[in-house]
Structure formats: C-alpha cells, structure tokens
C-alpha cells in the first residue's frame, strides 16, 4: 500500500516496461500539480513570518522545499497505492477490472475531504498495467506549530490533527491511518458486493528494476532448491553404488567359502561303500546345494550388473544436470548483482542531478530507441 512516489511514472511522463501503451488512454488523471507550487501555496506566508523573526541571516530559510528535500526527519511528500484484487481475479482488461476501477474512483472522491491535513497534488488511477491501482501523492502539513514555521511539513502532526494518536512502536499514527484508509476502501468494496480479504501485509509498489531484482532472487532461490534436490538424489545413488561394492565383497567371500568350506567339499567315501551309495548319499546332495547356490548367485549377479548400469546412467545425468544448474545459478546471481549495481548507480544519478532531469533523459533515450526500432522494421 505504501509507494516510493515516482510522480513522472504515475503521470506517464515516462513509460515503464510493464505499461501497455494501448490502454494508457483509459487511465484517470485526477490532478498533477507541481510540488514546488504546492509548497509555495502552503508555506510561503509561514516562511515569511519565520524569517522576519530571525536576527541572524544564517538562520533564515531561502527555499523551504529544498530544506525539506535534504532533511533526514521529513520527506517532501508521501504516497499510498491502493489496489482491489490481483491479476487472477481483477485483471485490468476484464469486466472485473472495470469494477475495480469504479471502486477506486469512488474511494478517491472522498479522500481529500477525509484528510484535510494531507494536501494531494498528484493522483492517478492506472488501467494500463496488469491490475487497476490508484496512486495518491500528498504533502502532510500541520498548523500552529510551536517550533520552526508555524505551518510546516510533519506527517506525525498532520495525522495527529486528524485524530490518529500513536501508541506503541508498532501502533504509530501512520499505521493507524493506513488501517483506517483500508477500511474506507473495504466499505466501498462492500457496496459493490466484494469482501475485503485480510492478508495482513502489503508489499511496496516496486519499480521495474526492483521487480526484476525480486524475480531474479526468486529464480536463484528456486534453482538453489533444485540443486539441493539433485545433490540429495546424487547422495542416494552414491550410497546404492557403495552397497553394490559391498555386495561384490560378499561375493568374494562366498567364492572363498565355496573353495574351502567342508559343506561344499566332497567327503572321502566310507569303507566298503559302493559307488551308487556314494553317489546317492554324498555327491548328489552337495551337487544339489551347489546348483541352488549357483542359480541364486547368477540371478543376483545379473540383477546387480543391471542396477549398476542404471545407476551409472542416472548418476551421469544427475552430474550433467547439476553442472547445468550450477552455471544457470551463477549466471542469475551475476545478473542480480549487476541489477543491484545499476539500481545504485541510477539512485546516485537521481540524487546528484535530480529526479526530473534523469527521468527526462531516460524518456529521450527510450524515444530514440523506439524510432530506431521503427526504422529497422520499415525497411
């Protein structure tokens, strides 16, 4: 529900990869004011009063927006993102998607009235991504402040003025207000016959680059699990091979026993025993035992060789699979690292040169790339 707040993305000044340009005309742009103009509207009079009281020039504030933008205590603005359902049940290009659009539109109409201390300057309902969702960007402000400007930026005080009093660390003004706004959306949903499913957590709206990083991380994790499974199978097969080697040792022992054990040796004939009696009493029982033993040994031998062959084939396949998965895993890990580096570089550029300038350069680059692609197709 909480977004990072990319106004240029929300207003479609630049178009991300996950945006369907053929559906952008279906979006609703409620407002898209310049944030600096909004700051002048909200704080110029208070800034003038504050500066008039200062006896030292170094305490005076020249640009309140820039002061807040570089502040570690407050953000220049905040964003919430609201969505009804998901791709499985509220896809943007379906009837349910249109229903979600109506619900979000009705919810937004009362937002500013409910939140007088949150000055909305940018609000957009997007129908050109997978699911309909609503971005609302606002500047939180408080009046009659005892320190600094008497009207100043403060999320905590703005929400407190609207009746949200934070308690414990996990029960802040912000968390209470978020819960309240969820309930407002749920009430609109109920009027349209849709029940709010409480899932507990809401992930932040991800940028395209962050989304790619997240998907790569999931893929690496999945491949890691697959490698673990293959390694487990490999260990199992190795154990069976060891058991086969153990069986070979047993056969060697049996061979020694056949050569030396008295029960498998023909005894000397007794005195005055006839050849027929010797054959019936002595030779034939031993030969019978040997035949039975030989049949068992041969059967087990052939079974053992067959298993050994199968194990070798399976083992070789597992080894190849393991090697392949290892390479894919390494490649994805490397790509994930590269994406993290790109994200850091992108954040640094935006910090040094400003969001607007970098976003405009990106949009120009995409336009040039699109023209080149169109030229190639037309040849």
Protein backbone atom coordinates (compact mmCIF):
# COMPACT_ATOMS: atom_id res chain seq x y z
CA UNK A 1 0.00 0.00 0.00
CA UNK A 2 2.96 2.34 0.56
CA UNK A 3 4.76 3.56 -2.58
CA UNK A 4 8.13 5.17 -3.23
CA UNK A 5 6.49 8.02 -5.10
CA UNK A 6 7.61 8.46 -8.71
CA UNK A 7 5.43 11.30 -9.97
CA UNK A 8 6.81 11.10 -13.52
CA UNK A 9 5.97 7.41 -13.70
CA UNK A 10 2.49 7.98 -12.25
CA UNK A 11 1.70 10.76 -14.74
CA UNK A 12 3.26 8.70 -17.57
CA UNK A 13 5.88 11.32 -18.44
CA UNK A 14 7.99 8.25 -18.89
CA UNK A 15 6.68 4.76 -19.58
CA UNK A 16 7.97 1.68 -17.77
CA UNK A 17 8.32 -1.72 -19.44
CA UNK A 18 5.26 -3.14 -17.68
CA UNK A 19 2.94 -0.44 -19.10
CA UNK A 20 0.59 -1.25 -22.01
CA UNK A 21 0.62 1.96 -24.07
CA UNK A 22 -2.58 1.00 -25.92
CA UNK A 23 -4.51 1.22 -22.63
CA UNK A 24 -2.97 4.41 -21.21
CA UNK A 25 -5.93 6.39 -22.56
CA UNK A 26 -8.12 4.52 -20.02
CA UNK A 27 -6.20 5.97 -17.06
CA UNK A 28 -7.76 8.68 -14.87
CA UNK A 29 -5.56 11.67 -14.02
CA UNK A 30 -7.26 13.41 -11.10
CA UNK A 31 -4.54 16.00 -10.52
CA UNK A 32 -0.88 16.57 -11.32
CA UNK A 33 0.34 19.82 -9.75
CA UNK A 34 3.96 20.93 -9.48
CA UNK A 35 5.03 20.13 -5.93
CA UNK A 36 7.05 23.34 -5.63
CA UNK A 37 3.92 25.37 -6.47
CA UNK A 38 2.06 23.48 -3.75
CA UNK A 39 4.84 24.29 -1.26
CA UNK A 40 4.55 27.99 -2.12
CA UNK A 41 0.79 27.80 -1.59
CA UNK A 42 1.06 26.02 1.77
CA UNK A 43 4.15 27.53 3.38
CA UNK A 44 5.14 30.91 1.85
CA UNK A 45 3.26 33.02 4.41
CA UNK A 46 4.57 30.93 7.32
CA UNK A 47 8.09 31.13 5.86
CA UNK A 48 7.85 34.90 5.65
CA UNK A 49 6.72 35.12 9.30
CA UNK A 50 9.52 32.79 10.39
CA UNK A 51 12.26 34.68 8.53
CA UNK A 52 11.02 38.03 9.87
CA UNK A 53 11.69 36.82 13.43
CA UNK A 54 15.28 35.76 12.71
CA UNK A 55 18.02 38.19 13.77
CA UNK A 56 20.76 36.14 12.13
CA UNK A 57 20.79 35.77 8.35
CA UNK A 58 22.18 32.23 8.51
CA UNK A 59 19.02 31.09 10.33
CA UNK A 60 16.76 32.30 7.55
CA UNK A 61 15.35 29.72 5.12
CA UNK A 62 15.60 30.65 1.44
CA UNK A 63 13.78 27.68 -0.08
CA UNK A 64 11.56 25.58 2.22
CA UNK A 65 11.07 22.81 -0.35
CA UNK A 66 14.84 22.30 -0.74
CA UNK A 67 15.25 22.36 3.04
CA UNK A 68 12.71 19.53 3.46
CA UNK A 69 14.08 17.62 0.45
CA UNK A 70 17.51 17.46 2.12
CA UNK A 71 16.07 16.81 5.58
CA UNK A 72 16.50 13.46 7.35
CA UNK A 73 13.45 13.98 9.57
CA UNK A 74 10.76 14.61 6.95
CA UNK A 75 10.07 13.69 3.30
CA UNK A 76 8.82 16.30 0.79
CA UNK A 77 5.76 14.12 0.12
CA UNK A 78 4.30 10.66 0.74
CA UNK A 79 2.49 8.19 -1.50
CA UNK A 80 -0.04 5.43 -0.98
CA UNK A 81 -1.07 2.89 -3.63
CA UNK A 82 -4.40 1.12 -3.49
CA UNK A 83 -5.46 -1.94 -5.44
CA UNK A 84 -8.52 -4.20 -5.46
CA UNK A 85 -7.76 -7.88 -6.07
CA UNK A 86 -4.94 -9.14 -8.29
CA UNK A 87 -4.15 -10.47 -11.77
CA UNK A 88 -6.05 -13.68 -11.05
CA UNK A 89 -9.40 -12.03 -10.32
CA UNK A 90 -9.20 -8.31 -11.25
CA UNK A 91 -7.19 -8.16 -14.46
CA UNK A 92 -7.30 -4.66 -15.93
CA UNK A 93 -8.71 -5.73 -19.32
CA UNK A 94 -11.69 -7.67 -17.90
CA UNK A 95 -15.14 -6.73 -16.57
CA UNK A 96 -13.82 -7.21 -13.03
CA UNK A 97 -11.05 -4.75 -13.87
CA UNK A 98 -13.68 -2.16 -14.77
CA UNK A 99 -15.42 -2.88 -11.47
CA UNK A 100 -12.14 -2.31 -9.61
CA UNK A 101 -11.78 1.00 -11.47
CA UNK A 102 -15.24 2.14 -10.28
CA UNK A 103 -14.43 1.18 -6.67
CA UNK A 104 -11.09 3.01 -6.66
CA UNK A 105 -12.64 6.06 -8.31
CA UNK A 106 -15.40 6.25 -5.69
CA UNK A 107 -12.85 5.79 -2.90
CA UNK A 108 -10.70 8.67 -4.20
CA UNK A 109 -13.59 11.17 -4.43
CA UNK A 110 -13.74 11.48 -0.61
CA UNK A 111 -10.02 11.16 0.10
CA UNK A 112 -9.14 14.88 0.35
CA UNK A 113 -12.28 15.58 2.38
CA UNK A 114 -11.31 12.84 4.87
CA UNK A 115 -7.72 14.07 5.05
CA UNK A 116 -7.64 17.89 5.23
CA UNK A 117 -4.03 17.87 6.56
CA UNK A 118 -2.76 15.85 3.59
CA UNK A 119 -2.58 18.14 0.55
CA UNK A 120 -2.99 15.93 -2.54
CA UNK A 121 -1.03 17.23 -5.53
CA UNK A 122 -0.79 14.12 -7.73
CA UNK A 123 -3.35 11.33 -8.12
CA UNK A 124 -3.66 8.80 -10.95
CA UNK A 125 -5.73 5.66 -11.50
CA UNK A 126 -3.82 3.29 -13.77
CA UNK A 127 -5.59 0.88 -16.12
CA UNK A 128 -2.57 0.21 -18.36
CA UNK A 129 -0.77 -2.26 -16.07
CA UNK A 130 -1.73 -5.79 -15.01
CA UNK A 131 -4.29 -4.72 -12.39
CA UNK A 132 -6.10 -1.40 -11.78
CA UNK A 133 -4.48 0.61 -8.97
CA UNK A 134 -4.53 4.13 -7.59
CA UNK A 135 -1.51 6.34 -6.75
CA UNK A 136 -2.11 9.24 -4.35
CA UNK A 137 0.79 11.62 -3.57
CA UNK A 138 0.35 14.21 -0.84
CA UNK A 139 2.18 16.75 1.34
CA UNK A 140 1.37 16.35 5.07
CA UNK A 141 1.29 19.64 6.99
CA UNK A 142 0.48 20.93 10.44
CA UNK A 143 -0.58 24.41 11.56
CA UNK A 144 0.00 26.40 14.79
CA UNK A 145 3.33 24.68 15.36
CA UNK A 146 5.37 25.92 18.32
CA UNK A 147 8.77 25.36 16.71
CA UNK A 148 10.09 26.28 13.28
CA UNK A 149 7.48 27.50 10.83
CA UNK A 150 4.03 27.79 12.38
CA UNK A 151 2.75 25.91 9.30
CA UNK A 152 5.24 23.22 8.38
CA UNK A 153 5.69 19.72 6.94
CA UNK A 154 5.04 16.98 9.51
CA UNK A 155 3.45 13.62 8.84
CA UNK A 156 3.15 12.75 12.54
CA UNK A 157 1.49 16.05 13.49
CA UNK A 158 -0.74 16.09 10.40
CA UNK A 159 -2.15 12.65 11.25
CA UNK A 160 -2.42 13.57 14.94
CA UNK A 161 -4.53 16.60 13.93
CA UNK A 162 -6.85 14.18 12.14
CA UNK A 163 -7.29 12.11 15.32
CA UNK A 164 -4.64 9.42 14.96
CA UNK A 165 -2.67 9.25 18.20
CA UNK A 166 0.25 6.84 18.07
CA UNK A 167 0.84 4.49 20.95
CA UNK A 168 3.41 1.72 20.84
CA UNK A 169 6.24 1.38 18.34
CA UNK A 170 4.12 -0.89 16.16
CA UNK A 171 0.98 1.20 16.56
CA UNK A 172 2.02 4.57 15.13
CA UNK A 173 -0.09 7.40 13.72
CA UNK A 174 0.90 6.18 10.24
CA UNK A 175 -0.11 2.54 10.84
CA UNK A 176 -3.43 3.65 12.38
CA UNK A 177 -4.16 5.92 9.42
CA UNK A 178 -3.24 3.20 6.88
CA UNK A 179 -5.63 0.80 8.62
CA UNK A 180 -8.35 3.46 8.58
CA UNK A 181 -7.93 4.07 4.83
CA UNK A 182 -8.03 0.31 4.17
CA UNK A 183 -11.35 0.21 5.99
CA UNK A 184 -12.66 3.11 3.87
CA UNK A 185 -11.75 1.19 0.72
CA UNK A 186 -13.30 -2.00 2.17
CA UNK A 187 -16.55 -0.10 2.80
CA UNK A 188 -16.72 0.96 -0.87
CA UNK A 189 -15.91 -2.62 -1.95
CA UNK A 190 -18.73 -3.91 0.24
CA UNK A 191 -21.22 -1.65 -1.52
CA UNK A 192 -20.24 -3.42 -4.74
CA UNK A 193 -20.57 -6.86 -3.15
CA UNK A 194 -16.84 -7.53 -2.70
CA UNK A 195 -15.50 -8.68 0.66
CA UNK A 196 -12.11 -7.48 1.90
CA UNK A 197 -9.74 -10.40 2.40
CA UNK A 198 -7.38 -9.58 5.27
CA UNK A 199 -3.89 -10.68 4.23
CA UNK A 200 -2.02 -8.77 6.90
CA UNK A 201 0.80 -7.29 4.86
CA UNK A 202 1.02 -5.20 1.72
CA UNK A 203 4.21 -5.08 -0.31
CA UNK A 204 5.52 -1.75 -1.51
CA UNK A 205 4.83 -0.84 -5.11
CA UNK A 206 8.02 -1.91 -6.84
CA UNK A 207 9.86 -0.09 -9.58
CA UNK A 208 10.55 -2.13 -12.72
CA UNK A 209 14.20 -2.53 -11.74
CA UNK A 210 13.30 -3.62 -8.19
CA UNK A 211 10.73 -6.03 -9.62
CA UNK A 212 13.36 -7.60 -11.89
CA UNK A 213 15.73 -7.93 -8.93
CA UNK A 214 13.00 -9.58 -6.89
CA UNK A 215 12.12 -12.02 -9.69
CA UNK A 216 15.82 -12.89 -10.22
CA UNK A 217 16.20 -13.51 -6.48
CA UNK A 218 13.18 -15.85 -6.56
CA UNK A 219 14.62 -17.69 -9.57
CA UNK A 220 18.01 -18.06 -7.87
CA UNK A 221 16.26 -19.41 -4.76
CA UNK A 222 14.23 -21.87 -6.86
CA UNK A 223 17.34 -23.10 -8.68
CA UNK A 224 19.16 -23.42 -5.37
CA UNK A 225 16.37 -25.67 -4.09
CA UNK A 226 16.53 -27.72 -7.31
CA UNK A 227 20.30 -28.10 -6.94
CA UNK A 228 19.84 -29.26 -3.32
CA UNK A 229 17.32 -31.86 -4.52
CA UNK A 230 19.70 -33.12 -7.23
CA UNK A 231 22.54 -33.32 -4.71
CA UNK A 232 20.29 -35.34 -2.40
CA UNK A 233 19.49 -37.74 -5.26
CA UNK A 234 23.20 -37.95 -6.07
CA UNK A 235 24.00 -38.90 -2.46
CA UNK A 236 21.28 -41.56 -2.52
CA UNK A 237 22.65 -43.06 -5.74
CA UNK A 238 26.20 -42.94 -4.39
CA UNK A 239 25.01 -44.86 -1.34
CA UNK A 240 23.46 -47.50 -3.59
CA UNK A 241 26.73 -47.78 -5.52
CA UNK A 242 28.56 -48.31 -2.23
CA UNK A 243 26.04 -51.03 -1.37
CA UNK A 244 26.81 -52.66 -4.72
CA UNK A 245 30.54 -52.60 -3.93
CA UNK A 246 29.72 -54.17 -0.58
CA UNK A 247 27.81 -56.92 -2.41
CA UNK A 248 30.89 -57.59 -4.55
CA UNK A 249 32.88 -58.11 -1.34
CA UNK A 250 30.25 -60.58 -0.16
CA UNK A 251 30.55 -62.49 -3.45
CA UNK A 252 34.31 -62.69 -2.99
CA UNK A 253 33.79 -64.13 0.49
CA UNK A 254 31.31 -66.63 -0.91
CA UNK A 255 33.82 -67.69 -3.56
CA UNK A 256 36.39 -68.33 -0.84
CA UNK A 257 33.82 -70.32 1.16
CA UNK A 258 32.98 -72.47 -1.89
CA UNK A 259 36.64 -73.32 -2.30
CA UNK A 260 37.30 -74.07 1.36
CA UNK A 261 34.13 -74.78 3.40
CA UNK A 262 33.71 -78.51 4.18
CA UNK A 263 29.98 -78.49 3.47
CA UNK A 264 30.73 -77.74 -0.19
CA UNK A 265 33.54 -80.35 -0.50
CA UNK A 266 33.04 -83.98 -1.49
CA UNK A 267 33.98 -86.19 1.50
CA UNK A 268 36.06 -89.33 1.23
CA UNK A 269 33.94 -92.49 0.67
CA UNK A 270 33.39 -94.72 3.66
CA UNK A 271 34.91 -98.21 3.72
CA UNK A 272 33.09 -100.79 1.65
CA UNK A 273 30.69 -98.06 0.29
CA UNK A 274 29.56 -98.77 -3.21
CA UNK A 275 29.76 -96.18 -5.99
CA UNK A 276 25.96 -95.98 -6.17
CA UNK A 277 25.63 -95.40 -2.43
CA UNK A 278 28.38 -92.73 -2.54
CA UNK A 279 26.59 -91.01 -5.38
CA UNK A 280 23.20 -91.04 -3.63
CA UNK A 281 24.36 -90.18 -0.10
CA UNK A 282 27.36 -87.95 -0.67
CA UNK A 283 27.70 -86.49 -4.19
CA UNK A 284 24.13 -85.70 -5.18
CA UNK A 285 23.18 -83.65 -2.02
CA UNK A 286 26.29 -81.48 -2.45
CA UNK A 287 25.72 -81.02 -6.19
CA UNK A 288 22.09 -80.08 -5.44
CA UNK A 289 23.25 -77.44 -2.91
CA UNK A 290 25.79 -76.09 -5.42
CA UNK A 291 23.21 -75.84 -8.22
CA UNK A 292 20.79 -73.95 -5.96
CA UNK A 293 23.51 -71.63 -4.79
CA UNK A 294 24.75 -71.05 -8.33
CA UNK A 295 21.25 -70.12 -9.55
CA UNK A 296 20.86 -67.59 -6.71
CA UNK A 297 24.32 -66.12 -7.30
CA UNK A 298 23.78 -65.79 -11.05
CA UNK A 299 20.37 -64.13 -10.56
CA UNK A 300 21.78 -61.67 -8.07
CA UNK A 301 24.81 -61.06 -10.24
CA UNK A 302 22.73 -60.17 -13.30
CA UNK A 303 20.43 -58.02 -11.15
CA UNK A 304 23.47 -56.30 -9.68
CA UNK A 305 25.02 -55.57 -13.07
CA UNK A 306 21.70 -54.22 -14.35
CA UNK A 307 21.32 -51.94 -11.33
CA UNK A 308 24.92 -50.84 -11.63
CA UNK A 309 24.40 -49.87 -15.27
CA UNK A 310 21.21 -47.95 -14.45
CA UNK A 311 22.89 -46.18 -11.55
CA UNK A 312 25.79 -45.11 -13.75
CA UNK A 313 23.39 -43.70 -16.37
CA UNK A 314 21.32 -41.89 -13.71
CA UNK A 315 24.46 -40.68 -11.98
CA UNK A 316 25.84 -39.27 -15.23
CA UNK A 317 22.54 -37.49 -15.95
CA UNK A 318 22.44 -36.02 -12.44
CA UNK A 319 26.01 -34.84 -12.79
CA UNK A 320 25.18 -33.06 -16.08
CA UNK A 321 22.02 -31.54 -14.56
CA UNK A 322 23.99 -30.36 -11.55
CA UNK A 323 26.63 -28.76 -13.77
CA UNK A 324 23.96 -27.02 -15.88
CA UNK A 325 22.02 -25.75 -12.85
CA UNK A 326 25.24 -24.52 -11.29
CA UNK A 327 26.02 -22.47 -14.41
CA UNK A 328 22.47 -21.05 -14.57
CA UNK A 329 22.58 -20.23 -10.87
CA UNK A 330 25.93 -18.45 -11.28
CA UNK A 331 24.60 -16.52 -14.29
CA UNK A 332 21.45 -15.41 -12.42
CA UNK A 333 23.44 -14.45 -9.33
CA UNK A 334 25.75 -12.36 -11.54
CA UNK A 335 22.75 -10.71 -13.22
CA UNK A 336 21.18 -9.99 -9.82
CA UNK A 337 24.43 -8.34 -8.69
CA UNK A 338 24.52 -6.30 -11.90
CA UNK A 339 20.92 -5.16 -11.36
CA UNK A 340 21.74 -4.08 -7.79
CA UNK A 341 24.71 -2.08 -9.09
CA UNK A 342 22.56 -0.48 -11.82
CA UNK A 343 19.93 0.41 -9.22
CA UNK A 344 22.59 2.05 -7.01
CA UNK A 345 24.00 3.97 -9.99
CA UNK A 346 20.50 5.06 -11.02
CA UNK A 347 19.72 6.23 -7.47
CA UNK A 348 23.03 8.14 -7.33
CA UNK A 349 22.32 9.88 -10.65
CA UNK A 350 18.86 10.91 -9.49
CA UNK A 351 20.30 12.18 -6.22
CA UNK A 352 23.06 14.23 -7.88
CA UNK A 353 21.25 15.56 -10.95
CA UNK A 354 17.67 15.44 -9.70
CA UNK A 355 14.78 13.08 -10.48
CA UNK A 356 13.27 15.26 -13.17
CA UNK A 357 16.42 15.64 -15.28
CA UNK A 358 17.30 11.93 -15.15
CA UNK A 359 13.71 10.87 -15.93
CA UNK A 360 13.64 13.25 -18.91
CA UNK A 361 16.94 11.82 -20.22
CA UNK A 362 15.58 8.28 -19.87
CA UNK A 363 12.43 9.21 -21.74
CA UNK A 364 14.51 10.78 -24.55
CA UNK A 365 16.65 7.62 -24.75
CA UNK A 366 13.56 5.42 -24.98
CA UNK A 367 12.14 7.65 -27.72
CA UNK A 368 15.37 7.42 -29.77
CA UNK A 369 15.49 3.66 -29.30
CA UNK A 370 11.85 3.33 -30.37
CA UNK A 371 12.47 5.38 -33.53
CA UNK A 372 15.48 3.23 -34.47
CA UNK A 373 13.42 0.09 -34.00
CA UNK A 374 10.59 1.52 -36.12
CA UNK A 375 13.08 2.48 -38.86
CA UNK A 376 14.50 -1.05 -38.94
CA UNK A 377 11.00 -2.55 -39.22
CA UNK A 378 10.03 -0.20 -42.05
CA UNK A 379 13.00 -1.22 -44.23
